[in-house]
Amino acid sequence: MRVEPHELATAENPKTLGYDVVFNGINNEVHAKNPDLTVNGELWELKSPR
């Protein structure tokens, strides 16, 4: 899995607040959703400026 530096930086903030942050793998199935993170068991999509 390739995680961009700006994504890592964005994910660090909730980690410092004590949240459990895990980057998700890529699902290559047709029409699959690919949320970037799981935060405390909930799926999240990162949007951050570069």
Protein backbone atom coordinates (compact mmCIF):
# COMPACT_ATOMS: atom_id res chain seq x y z
CA MET A 1 0.00 0.00 0.00
CA ARG A 2 1.31 3.45 -0.86
CA VAL A 3 0.54 6.23 1.60
CA GLU A 4 1.45 9.76 0.55
CA PRO A 5 3.38 11.95 3.02
CA HIS A 6 0.53 14.49 3.25
CA GLU A 7 -1.87 11.64 4.15
CA LEU A 8 0.44 10.47 6.93
CA ALA A 9 0.65 14.01 8.28
CA THR A 10 -3.16 14.34 8.27
CA ALA A 11 -3.62 11.01 10.06
CA GLU A 12 -1.18 11.98 12.82
CA ASN A 13 -3.58 14.53 14.34
CA PRO A 14 -6.28 12.06 15.47
CA LYS A 15 -3.54 9.65 16.63
CA THR A 16 -2.13 12.31 18.95
CA LEU A 17 -5.64 12.70 20.42
CA GLY A 18 -5.76 8.99 21.27
CA TYR A 19 -7.80 7.65 18.36
CA ASP A 20 -7.00 4.25 16.85
CA VAL A 21 -6.03 5.06 13.23
CA VAL A 22 -5.40 2.35 10.60
CA PHE A 23 -4.77 2.87 6.89
CA ASN A 24 -6.97 0.54 4.81
CA GLY A 25 -5.79 -1.58 1.92
CA ILE A 26 -7.08 -1.20 -1.63
CA ASN A 27 -10.10 -3.23 -2.78
CA ASN A 28 -9.73 -3.87 -6.53
CA GLU A 29 -13.25 -5.26 -7.06
CA VAL A 30 -15.39 -3.46 -9.65
CA HIS A 31 -17.27 -0.46 -8.11
CA ALA A 32 -15.69 -1.08 -4.69
CA LYS A 33 -15.43 1.75 -2.19
CA ASN A 34 -11.91 2.43 -0.91
CA PRO A 35 -11.99 4.59 2.21
CA ASP A 36 -8.50 5.63 3.28
CA LEU A 37 -8.69 5.03 7.02
CA THR A 38 -10.48 3.25 9.79
CA VAL A 39 -10.67 5.53 12.84
CA ASN A 40 -11.96 3.88 16.02
CA GLY A 41 -13.77 1.31 13.88
CA GLU A 42 -15.39 3.81 11.49
CA LEU A 43 -14.43 4.20 7.81
CA TRP A 44 -13.00 7.59 6.81
CA GLU A 45 -11.92 9.21 3.54
CA LEU A 46 -8.99 11.65 3.77
CA LYS A 47 -9.13 14.93 1.93
CA SER A 48 -6.13 17.13 2.45
CA PRO A 49 -4.31 19.81 0.47
CA ARG A 50 -0.84 18.91 -0.76
